[in-house]
Protein backbone atom coordinates (compact mmCIF):
# COMPACT_ATOMS: atom_id res chain seq x y z
CA UNK A 1 78.65 -12.40 125.00
CA UNK A 2 80.77 -9.25 125.24
CA UNK A 3 79.00 -5.92 125.09
CA UNK A 4 80.54 -4.75 121.82
CA UNK A 5 78.68 -7.51 119.98
CA UNK A 6 80.77 -9.86 119.88
CA UNK A 7 98.22 -24.32 148.74
CA UNK A 8 98.62 -28.12 148.66
CA UNK A 9 97.20 -30.88 146.60
CA UNK A 10 96.16 -34.22 148.03
CA UNK A 11 94.62 -37.26 146.42
CA UNK A 12 91.17 -38.47 147.46
CA UNK A 13 89.74 -41.84 146.62
CA UNK A 14 86.91 -42.43 144.17
CA UNK A 15 85.58 -40.47 141.23
CA UNK A 16 88.80 -41.08 139.26
CA UNK A 17 90.76 -38.53 141.29
CA UNK A 18 94.23 -38.07 139.87
CA UNK A 19 97.20 -38.81 142.12
CA UNK A 20 99.77 -37.37 139.75
CA UNK A 21 100.08 -35.20 136.69
CA UNK A 22 98.27 -36.69 133.76
CA UNK A 23 95.46 -36.35 131.32
CA UNK A 24 96.89 -33.13 129.96
CA UNK A 25 96.67 -31.34 133.32
CA UNK A 26 99.91 -30.20 134.97
CA UNK A 27 99.39 -29.96 138.71
CA UNK A 28 102.72 -28.23 139.35
CA UNK A 29 102.17 -25.57 136.68
CA UNK A 30 98.62 -24.75 137.74
CA UNK A 31 99.58 -24.78 141.42
CA UNK A 32 102.22 -22.15 140.69
CA UNK A 33 99.73 -20.12 138.67
CA UNK A 34 97.08 -20.31 141.40
CA UNK A 35 99.63 -19.18 144.00
CA UNK A 36 100.77 -16.31 141.80
CA UNK A 37 97.33 -14.98 140.91
CA UNK A 38 95.92 -15.44 144.40
CA UNK A 39 98.69 -13.29 145.84
CA UNK A 40 98.45 -10.70 143.05
CA UNK A 41 94.76 -10.20 143.77
CA UNK A 42 95.18 -10.29 147.56
CA UNK A 43 92.90 -13.28 148.07
CA UNK A 44 93.78 -14.80 151.46
CA UNK A 45 92.90 -18.37 150.51
CA UNK A 46 91.57 -20.28 147.54
CA UNK A 47 90.90 -23.84 146.47
CA UNK A 48 90.56 -25.08 142.91
CA UNK A 49 89.20 -28.32 141.49
CA UNK A 50 89.31 -29.32 137.84
CA UNK A 51 87.50 -32.24 136.24
CA UNK A 52 89.23 -33.27 133.02
CA UNK A 53 89.12 -36.61 131.19
CA UNK A 54 87.12 -38.11 134.03
CA UNK A 55 89.73 -37.24 136.67
CA UNK A 56 89.42 -34.68 139.45
CA UNK A 57 92.49 -32.57 140.22
CA UNK A 58 92.49 -30.52 143.45
CA UNK A 59 94.72 -27.63 144.51
CA UNK A 60 94.82 -25.19 147.42
CA UNK A 61 96.67 -21.95 148.13
CA UNK A 62 97.01 -19.44 150.95
CA UNK A 63 95.29 -19.44 154.32
CA UNK A 64 91.75 -20.03 155.55
CA UNK A 65 92.08 -17.38 158.26
CA UNK A 66 94.64 -14.57 158.28
CA UNK A 67 94.25 -14.23 162.03
CA UNK A 68 95.18 -17.82 162.83
CA UNK A 69 97.32 -18.60 159.81
CA UNK A 70 95.60 -21.95 159.21
CA UNK A 71 96.55 -23.08 155.70
CA UNK A 72 94.02 -23.84 153.00
CA UNK A 73 93.98 -27.49 151.94
CA UNK A 74 92.06 -29.30 149.26
CA UNK A 75 89.60 -30.72 151.80
CA UNK A 76 88.79 -27.27 153.25
CA UNK A 77 85.17 -26.17 153.04
CA UNK A 78 83.80 -22.78 151.98
CA UNK A 79 80.42 -21.08 151.86
CA UNK A 80 78.90 -21.61 148.43
CA UNK A 81 76.58 -18.61 148.39
CA UNK A 82 74.15 -18.80 145.50
CA UNK A 83 75.69 -21.93 143.97
CA UNK A 84 73.37 -23.57 146.52
CA UNK A 85 70.49 -22.73 144.17
CA UNK A 86 71.60 -25.42 141.71
CA UNK A 87 71.49 -28.04 144.46
CA UNK A 88 67.93 -27.00 145.33
CA UNK A 89 66.99 -27.05 141.65
CA UNK A 90 68.35 -30.59 141.37
CA UNK A 91 66.19 -31.70 144.31
CA UNK A 92 63.15 -30.14 142.64
CA UNK A 93 63.87 -31.95 139.38
CA UNK A 94 64.13 -35.25 141.26
CA UNK A 95 60.54 -34.66 142.36
CA UNK A 96 59.59 -34.07 138.73
CA UNK A 97 61.24 -37.40 137.88
CA UNK A 98 59.26 -39.22 140.57
CA UNK A 99 55.97 -37.79 139.29
CA UNK A 100 55.35 -35.88 142.51
CA UNK A 101 55.71 -32.44 140.91
CA UNK A 102 54.57 -30.68 137.75
CA UNK A 103 56.88 -27.85 136.70
CA UNK A 104 53.95 -25.80 135.45
CA UNK A 105 51.81 -26.24 138.55
CA UNK A 106 50.94 -23.04 140.45
CA UNK A 107 53.13 -22.81 143.54
CA UNK A 108 50.15 -21.94 145.75
CA UNK A 109 48.59 -25.33 144.94
CA UNK A 110 51.59 -27.02 146.60
CA UNK A 111 52.49 -24.57 149.36
CA UNK A 112 49.27 -23.11 150.81
CA UNK A 113 51.14 -20.49 152.88
CA UNK A 114 52.67 -18.99 149.73
CA UNK A 115 51.24 -15.60 148.75
CA UNK A 116 52.18 -12.15 147.47
CA UNK A 117 50.30 -8.84 147.86
CA UNK A 118 49.15 -9.33 144.26
CA UNK A 119 46.42 -11.97 144.27
CA UNK A 120 46.64 -12.56 140.53
CA UNK A 121 50.41 -13.00 140.69
CA UNK A 122 50.02 -15.43 143.57
CA UNK A 123 47.73 -17.64 141.49
CA UNK A 124 49.95 -17.41 138.38
CA UNK A 125 53.48 -18.10 139.65
CA UNK A 126 54.68 -21.60 138.72
CA UNK A 127 57.50 -23.88 139.83
CA UNK A 128 59.17 -23.47 136.43
CA UNK A 129 59.17 -19.70 136.84
CA UNK A 130 60.80 -19.91 140.26
CA UNK A 131 63.56 -22.16 138.89
CA UNK A 132 64.30 -19.76 136.02
CA UNK A 133 63.92 -16.52 138.05
CA UNK A 134 60.92 -15.45 135.96
CA UNK A 135 58.30 -15.58 138.73
CA UNK A 136 58.82 -11.91 139.57
CA UNK A 137 59.66 -12.57 143.24
CA UNK A 138 62.24 -10.27 144.73
CA UNK A 139 65.73 -11.17 145.92
CA UNK A 140 66.61 -9.10 148.95
CA UNK A 141 64.01 -10.04 151.53
CA UNK A 142 66.10 -10.70 154.64
CA UNK A 143 64.21 -12.40 157.44
CA UNK A 144 65.56 -14.58 160.23
CA UNK A 145 62.89 -17.20 160.87
CA UNK A 146 64.95 -18.99 163.50
CA UNK A 147 66.92 -22.21 163.69
CA UNK A 148 63.98 -24.61 163.93
CA UNK A 149 62.98 -27.19 161.34
CA UNK A 150 60.04 -24.92 160.49
CA UNK A 151 62.29 -22.05 159.38
CA UNK A 152 61.38 -22.27 155.68
CA UNK A 153 57.64 -22.41 156.40
CA UNK A 154 57.96 -19.36 158.66
CA UNK A 155 60.01 -17.51 156.04
CA UNK A 156 57.44 -18.16 153.30
CA UNK A 157 54.65 -16.94 155.59
CA UNK A 158 56.61 -13.78 156.44
CA UNK A 159 57.16 -13.06 152.75
CA UNK A 160 53.43 -12.83 152.02
CA UNK A 161 53.55 -9.04 152.24
CA UNK A 162 56.62 -8.63 150.02
CA UNK A 163 55.77 -7.09 146.66
CA UNK A 164 57.08 -8.82 143.50
CA UNK A 165 59.70 -7.02 141.42
CA UNK A 166 57.55 -7.43 138.32
CA UNK A 167 54.56 -9.46 137.09
CA UNK A 168 55.31 -13.18 136.70
CA UNK A 169 56.51 -14.20 133.26
CA UNK A 170 57.40 -10.66 132.14
CA UNK A 171 61.17 -10.75 132.77
CA UNK A 172 64.02 -12.50 134.49
CA UNK A 173 64.73 -11.00 137.91
CA UNK A 174 67.16 -12.81 140.17
CA UNK A 175 65.25 -14.16 143.17
CA UNK A 176 66.58 -15.70 146.35
CA UNK A 177 63.08 -15.56 147.85
CA UNK A 178 61.90 -17.82 145.04
CA UNK A 179 64.47 -20.43 145.98
CA UNK A 180 63.35 -20.47 149.60
CA UNK A 181 59.87 -21.24 148.25
CA UNK A 182 61.38 -24.04 146.14
CA UNK A 183 63.07 -25.39 149.25
CA UNK A 184 59.69 -25.35 150.98
CA UNK A 185 58.19 -27.27 148.04
CA UNK A 186 60.85 -29.94 148.60
CA UNK A 187 59.85 -30.13 152.26
CA UNK A 188 56.11 -30.37 151.57
CA UNK A 189 56.51 -33.14 148.99
CA UNK A 190 59.18 -35.20 150.77
CA UNK A 191 58.14 -34.80 154.40
CA UNK A 192 61.76 -33.94 155.20
CA UNK A 193 63.49 -30.69 156.00
CA UNK A 194 65.37 -29.22 153.05
CA UNK A 195 68.64 -30.07 154.80
CA UNK A 196 67.61 -33.71 155.26
CA UNK A 197 66.37 -34.04 151.69
CA UNK A 198 69.63 -32.64 150.33
CA UNK A 199 71.68 -35.02 152.43
CA UNK A 200 69.64 -38.15 151.75
CA UNK A 201 68.65 -37.60 148.13
CA UNK A 202 71.75 -35.93 146.69
CA UNK A 203 74.81 -35.81 148.92
CA UNK A 204 74.72 -39.44 150.10
CA UNK A 205 74.16 -41.02 146.65
CA UNK A 206 77.03 -38.96 145.27
CA UNK A 207 79.29 -39.65 148.28
CA UNK A 208 79.88 -35.92 148.78
CA UNK A 209 81.41 -36.18 152.25
CA UNK A 210 82.69 -32.60 152.27
CA UNK A 211 79.32 -31.00 151.57
CA UNK A 212 76.83 -29.97 154.26
CA UNK A 213 74.36 -27.22 155.17
CA UNK A 214 74.70 -26.40 158.87
CA UNK A 215 77.56 -24.68 160.74
CA UNK A 216 77.80 -27.44 163.35
CA UNK A 217 78.37 -29.94 160.52
CA UNK A 218 81.05 -27.77 158.96
CA UNK A 219 83.06 -27.68 162.19
CA UNK A 220 84.18 -31.26 161.50
CA UNK A 221 86.38 -29.85 158.74
CA UNK A 222 88.84 -27.06 158.01
CA UNK A 223 86.51 -24.10 157.41
CA UNK A 224 87.33 -20.95 155.45
CA UNK A 225 86.79 -17.64 157.25
CA UNK A 226 85.38 -14.65 155.37
CA UNK A 227 87.63 -11.59 155.02
CA UNK A 228 86.72 -7.95 154.40
CA UNK A 229 88.88 -4.98 153.39
CA UNK A 230 89.72 -2.33 150.82
CA UNK A 231 90.66 -3.30 147.25
CA UNK A 232 94.37 -3.74 146.62
CA UNK A 233 95.25 -4.91 150.13
CA UNK A 234 94.95 -8.19 151.95
CA UNK A 235 91.63 -8.08 153.84
CA UNK A 236 91.16 -8.90 157.53
CA UNK A 237 88.90 -11.57 159.02
CA UNK A 238 85.25 -10.51 159.02
CA UNK A 239 83.47 -9.97 162.37
CA UNK A 240 81.36 -13.06 161.74
CA UNK A 241 81.79 -16.14 159.56
CA UNK A 242 78.32 -15.96 158.03
CA UNK A 243 75.43 -13.50 158.42
CA UNK A 244 72.77 -15.75 156.91
CA UNK A 245 69.97 -17.44 158.90
CA UNK A 246 69.13 -21.11 158.46
CA UNK A 247 66.27 -20.22 156.10
CA UNK A 248 68.86 -19.03 153.57
CA UNK A 249 69.89 -22.63 152.91
CA UNK A 250 68.02 -23.28 149.65
CA UNK A 251 69.40 -20.14 148.03
CA UNK A 252 72.69 -19.55 149.78
CA UNK A 253 74.09 -22.00 152.25
CA UNK A 254 75.57 -25.18 150.98
CA UNK A 255 79.02 -25.54 152.54
CA UNK A 256 81.42 -27.49 150.35
CA UNK A 257 84.89 -28.25 149.08
CA UNK A 258 85.98 -27.45 145.54
CA UNK A 259 86.39 -31.15 144.81
CA UNK A 260 82.84 -31.92 145.90
CA UNK A 261 81.56 -29.05 143.73
CA UNK A 262 82.99 -30.57 140.55
CA UNK A 263 81.86 -34.06 141.59
CA UNK A 264 78.33 -32.67 141.82
CA UNK A 265 78.81 -31.16 138.36
CA UNK A 266 80.15 -34.48 137.10
CA UNK A 267 76.81 -36.11 137.87
CA UNK A 268 75.16 -33.58 135.55
CA UNK A 269 77.84 -34.17 132.91
CA UNK A 270 77.22 -37.92 133.17
CA UNK A 271 73.52 -37.54 132.38
CA UNK A 272 72.37 -37.86 135.99
CA UNK A 273 74.30 -40.91 137.22
CA UNK A 274 76.68 -41.33 140.15
CA UNK A 275 80.10 -43.01 139.68
CA UNK A 276 78.70 -46.38 140.73
CA UNK A 277 75.94 -46.14 138.14
CA UNK A 278 73.19 -45.08 140.56
CA UNK A 279 70.70 -42.83 138.81
CA UNK A 280 70.34 -39.59 140.76
CA UNK A 281 68.51 -37.57 138.12
CA UNK A 282 66.91 -38.55 134.82
CA UNK A 283 68.70 -37.67 131.59
CA UNK A 284 65.60 -35.70 130.60
CA UNK A 285 65.78 -33.54 133.74
CA UNK A 286 69.52 -33.03 133.31
CA UNK A 287 68.88 -31.75 129.78
CA UNK A 288 65.95 -29.59 130.89
CA UNK A 289 68.06 -27.84 133.52
CA UNK A 290 70.58 -26.88 130.81
CA UNK A 291 67.95 -25.71 128.31
CA UNK A 292 67.34 -21.97 128.06
CA UNK A 293 64.10 -20.80 129.62
CA UNK A 294 64.81 -17.08 129.30
CA UNK A 295 67.34 -14.70 127.76
CA UNK A 296 69.24 -12.44 130.13
CA UNK A 297 69.41 -8.69 129.30
CA UNK A 298 72.20 -8.28 131.87
CA UNK A 299 74.91 -10.52 130.44
CA UNK A 300 77.71 -9.14 132.61
CA UNK A 301 76.90 -9.19 136.33
CA UNK A 302 77.19 -12.99 136.57
CA UNK A 303 78.34 -13.65 132.98
CA UNK A 304 74.87 -14.93 132.11
CA UNK A 305 73.62 -15.28 128.55
CA UNK A 306 70.44 -16.93 129.76
CA UNK A 307 68.92 -19.13 132.43
CA UNK A 308 67.76 -22.71 132.50
CA UNK A 309 66.03 -24.54 135.33
CA UNK A 310 68.59 -23.61 137.97
CA UNK A 311 71.76 -23.31 135.89
CA UNK A 312 73.19 -20.06 134.56
CA UNK A 313 73.84 -20.57 130.84
CA UNK A 314 76.87 -19.29 128.90
CA UNK A 315 77.68 -18.96 125.22
CA UNK A 316 81.39 -18.61 124.62
CA UNK A 317 81.53 -17.81 120.89
CA UNK A 318 79.37 -20.81 120.07
CA UNK A 319 80.65 -23.12 122.81
CA UNK A 320 77.86 -23.75 125.31
CA UNK A 321 78.40 -24.01 129.03
CA UNK A 322 76.60 -23.77 132.33
CA UNK A 323 77.41 -23.03 135.95
CA UNK A 324 76.70 -20.58 138.76
CA UNK A 325 78.36 -17.93 140.92
CA UNK A 326 77.95 -17.51 144.65
CA UNK A 327 78.78 -14.93 147.33
CA UNK A 328 78.37 -15.14 151.11
CA UNK A 329 79.85 -12.32 153.21
CA UNK A 330 83.17 -12.22 151.31
CA UNK A 331 83.44 -15.83 150.21
CA UNK A 332 82.99 -16.02 146.43
CA UNK A 333 82.70 -19.25 144.50
CA UNK A 334 82.54 -20.00 140.79
CA UNK A 335 81.43 -23.20 139.05
CA UNK A 336 81.81 -23.62 135.29
CA UNK A 337 80.98 -26.66 133.14
CA UNK A 338 81.75 -27.19 129.43
CA UNK A 339 79.86 -30.30 128.29
CA UNK A 340 81.51 -30.74 124.89
CA UNK A 341 84.94 -30.85 126.55
CA UNK A 342 83.87 -32.85 129.62
CA UNK A 343 85.37 -30.14 131.80
CA UNK A 344 84.17 -28.75 135.12
CA UNK A 345 86.02 -26.17 137.22
CA UNK A 346 85.28 -24.91 140.75
CA UNK A 347 87.11 -21.98 142.34
CA UNK A 348 86.40 -21.12 145.99
CA UNK A 349 87.77 -17.99 147.71
CA UNK A 350 87.51 -16.23 151.07
CA UNK A 351 88.03 -12.53 150.31
CA UNK A 352 90.12 -10.04 148.36
CA UNK A 353 89.57 -9.35 144.66
CA UNK A 354 88.07 -12.77 143.99
CA UNK A 355 86.38 -11.62 140.77
CA UNK A 356 89.75 -10.70 139.25
CA UNK A 357 91.25 -14.03 140.35
CA UNK A 358 88.34 -15.84 138.74
CA UNK A 359 88.67 -13.82 135.54
CA UNK A 360 92.41 -14.36 135.14
CA UNK A 361 92.59 -17.98 136.25
CA UNK A 362 89.50 -19.39 134.55
CA UNK A 363 90.25 -17.48 131.37
CA UNK A 364 93.49 -19.46 131.11
CA UNK A 365 92.08 -22.77 132.32
CA UNK A 366 89.03 -22.75 130.02
CA UNK A 367 91.12 -21.72 127.03
CA UNK A 368 93.61 -24.56 127.52
CA UNK A 369 91.24 -27.32 128.64
CA UNK A 370 88.09 -26.53 126.67
CA UNK A 371 89.09 -24.13 123.85
CA UNK A 372 86.83 -21.49 125.42
CA UNK A 373 87.47 -17.79 125.00
CA UNK A 374 85.85 -15.95 127.88
CA UNK A 375 84.63 -12.43 127.05
CA UNK A 376 86.66 -9.41 128.05
CA UNK A 377 85.95 -7.90 131.44
CA UNK A 378 83.05 -5.45 131.43
CA UNK A 379 84.16 -1.85 130.89
CA UNK A 380 83.21 1.15 128.75
CA UNK A 381 84.93 1.89 125.47
CA UNK A 382 87.70 4.49 125.34
CA UNK A 383 85.26 6.75 123.45
CA UNK A 384 81.80 6.10 124.91
CA UNK A 385 78.85 6.67 122.55
CA UNK A 386 76.45 9.56 122.96
CA UNK A 387 73.09 8.38 124.29
CA UNK A 388 69.74 10.14 124.52
CA UNK A 389 68.84 9.72 128.19
CA UNK A 390 65.32 11.13 127.85
CA UNK A 391 63.43 7.80 127.88
CA UNK A 392 65.64 6.44 130.67
CA UNK A 393 65.51 9.31 133.17
CA UNK A 394 63.07 8.73 136.01
CA UNK A 395 62.35 6.76 139.16
CA UNK A 396 62.50 2.96 139.43
CA UNK A 397 61.23 1.05 142.46
CA UNK A 398 61.25 -2.50 143.82
CA UNK A 399 60.94 -3.86 147.33
CA UNK A 400 63.60 -2.22 149.51
CA UNK A 401 65.28 -0.27 146.71
CA UNK A 402 64.62 3.10 145.06
CA UNK A 403 66.63 4.03 141.96
CA UNK A 404 66.65 7.53 140.46
CA UNK A 405 68.20 8.04 137.02
CA UNK A 406 69.06 11.64 136.12
CA UNK A 407 71.12 13.69 133.70
CA UNK A 408 73.14 16.59 135.08
CA UNK A 409 73.78 19.95 133.46
CA UNK A 410 77.15 18.80 132.14
CA UNK A 411 75.38 15.98 130.27
CA UNK A 412 76.61 13.18 132.54
CA UNK A 413 74.17 10.48 133.56
CA UNK A 414 73.79 9.39 137.18
CA UNK A 415 72.06 6.70 139.22
CA UNK A 416 71.11 7.35 142.84
CA UNK A 417 70.79 3.98 144.58
CA UNK A 418 68.86 4.14 147.85
CA UNK A 419 67.80 1.42 150.28
CA UNK A 420 64.27 2.07 151.53
CA UNK A 421 61.45 0.37 153.42
CA UNK A 422 62.77 -2.47 155.55
CA UNK A 423 66.26 -2.11 154.07
CA UNK A 424 66.67 1.64 154.68
CA UNK A 425 69.59 1.23 157.11
CA UNK A 426 71.57 -1.19 154.93
CA UNK A 427 73.80 1.48 153.41
CA UNK A 428 73.96 5.23 152.73
CA UNK A 429 72.70 6.29 149.28
CA UNK A 430 75.14 5.68 146.42
CA UNK A 431 75.57 8.28 143.66
CA UNK A 432 76.83 6.31 140.67
CA UNK A 433 78.02 7.89 137.44
CA UNK A 434 76.76 6.07 134.35
CA UNK A 435 79.15 5.80 131.41
CA UNK A 436 77.40 4.71 128.19
CA UNK A 437 78.41 1.39 126.67
CA UNK A 438 75.45 1.09 124.29
CA UNK A 439 72.08 2.85 124.16
CA UNK A 440 70.79 0.59 126.91
CA UNK A 441 73.91 -0.59 128.75
CA UNK A 442 75.94 1.61 131.08
CA UNK A 443 79.03 1.13 133.19
CA UNK A 444 78.49 2.38 136.73
CA UNK A 445 81.46 3.92 138.55
CA UNK A 446 81.92 4.58 142.25
CA UNK A 447 79.52 1.85 143.35
CA UNK A 448 82.07 0.32 145.71
CA UNK A 449 83.16 -3.30 146.25
CA UNK A 450 79.75 -4.30 147.64
CA UNK A 451 78.46 -4.22 144.08
CA UNK A 452 81.50 -4.70 141.87
CA UNK A 453 85.27 -4.43 142.09
CA UNK A 454 85.33 -2.77 138.68
CA UNK A 455 82.55 -1.26 136.60
CA UNK A 456 79.03 -2.16 137.63
CA UNK A 457 76.69 -3.10 134.76
CA UNK A 458 73.49 -1.03 134.67
CA UNK A 459 71.18 -2.36 131.98
CA UNK A 460 67.92 -0.81 130.80
CA UNK A 461 65.29 -3.11 129.32
CA UNK A 462 61.56 -3.42 128.69
CA UNK A 463 59.32 -6.04 130.30
CA UNK A 464 57.10 -8.08 128.03
CA UNK A 465 54.14 -6.00 129.24
CA UNK A 466 55.83 -2.84 127.93
CA UNK A 467 57.07 -1.47 131.27
CA UNK A 468 60.57 -0.02 131.28
CA UNK A 469 62.96 -1.40 133.88
CA UNK A 470 66.58 -1.20 134.89
CA UNK A 471 68.81 -4.10 135.95
CA UNK A 472 71.32 -3.63 138.75
CA UNK A 473 72.81 -6.80 140.19
CA UNK A 474 70.57 -8.93 137.94
CA UNK A 475 67.47 -7.54 139.71
CA UNK A 476 64.79 -5.98 137.49
CA UNK A 477 63.47 -2.71 138.90
CA UNK A 478 60.39 -1.33 137.03
CA UNK A 479 60.07 2.36 136.18
CA UNK A 480 57.37 4.14 138.17
CA UNK A 481 57.80 7.75 136.98
């Protein structure tokens, strides 16, 4: 997949949770390594859960809140960010299993309030496309539709005027808006709110007692606080725990423990069954979620080789895996599953250089437990190639974002990233230098920690309709000039 071609531990009952070292997993050794790497990367607190040989091992390190000093424990809960999308996708596939939903049905046939400014796109977008991020819907439509049970319906109505990133079926473009629509589909077909459906149809059958969706539910547990700060130093508590409205639930707010995250993954590893044998999802739907729907031109931002029906798909030198990343304020979580090894790993963090902690720790864990070699971190070569920028220079536009690619007199390539329209006050413009990696892949420098702690991947591609586009943050932005 690489660009050059190639804390305390406590036992919990059920699910085969290990109470001591065993099964080839050394709790003491990995606890020491988690402590060491967490501190090296200035992550205030982290929890880790590892499923190996049918047993769940849980570890914790650091503090949940640097202001209060409350220690992280294995039963602490964190914001999942976009890992929530896989939970929503699982609910959708349950509806496919029950015969209530056809993956290739037009969304507008199920949710009458769904629309885009493009009438043809509105009629064409399917459930399958929303699950695989190929419906063309944008990602960064932020709208607070309130705390009521009608928040998803109101959000979908408010999004009617939001232009798609690209025509449906022409490319993958990461879409949180699409997952709110999927959450609304769940509500329409079940008669429940998304939160209720998740609890009753997924969390309860799997006995996931440390997973919830609402802040008032999370307050029953030890809750991780987000932290913000400059790279290389321990960050300080953020001004708020979470910025997201309730309508963000289907794409970004499942609140969970690391142990519950791997127990959820274990259901998928077990072909859709709970530990007591209860069938939660059909084996056919489990397989479909892990089957590639689309290739991913940007294979670096979230380590994605492709996308299935909800899951991010990985190819580690011929070893297949799946998972998802998530970010909420400064809480970053990572879920990785290697089916052939029966391994699942969840890492939850609350600030600092979480990406570096993930890279170092999971590189070692996956190598030892699943014989996986993760690709090197994204960066340009020591001697970058010379690239003809002529076909790439120009203006690229999607909802809320204007990108201008230029080449300066000294030959250097640059990307001006501007928030416009309803997002114009999000951030000052960013002038990002582009260092060539290949003829279509560039490493962006100076983007800041909001985009990437290291080099930011900037990937040029062509939609299936022939339109040039550029990927930043997994979002496809079509060329307009």
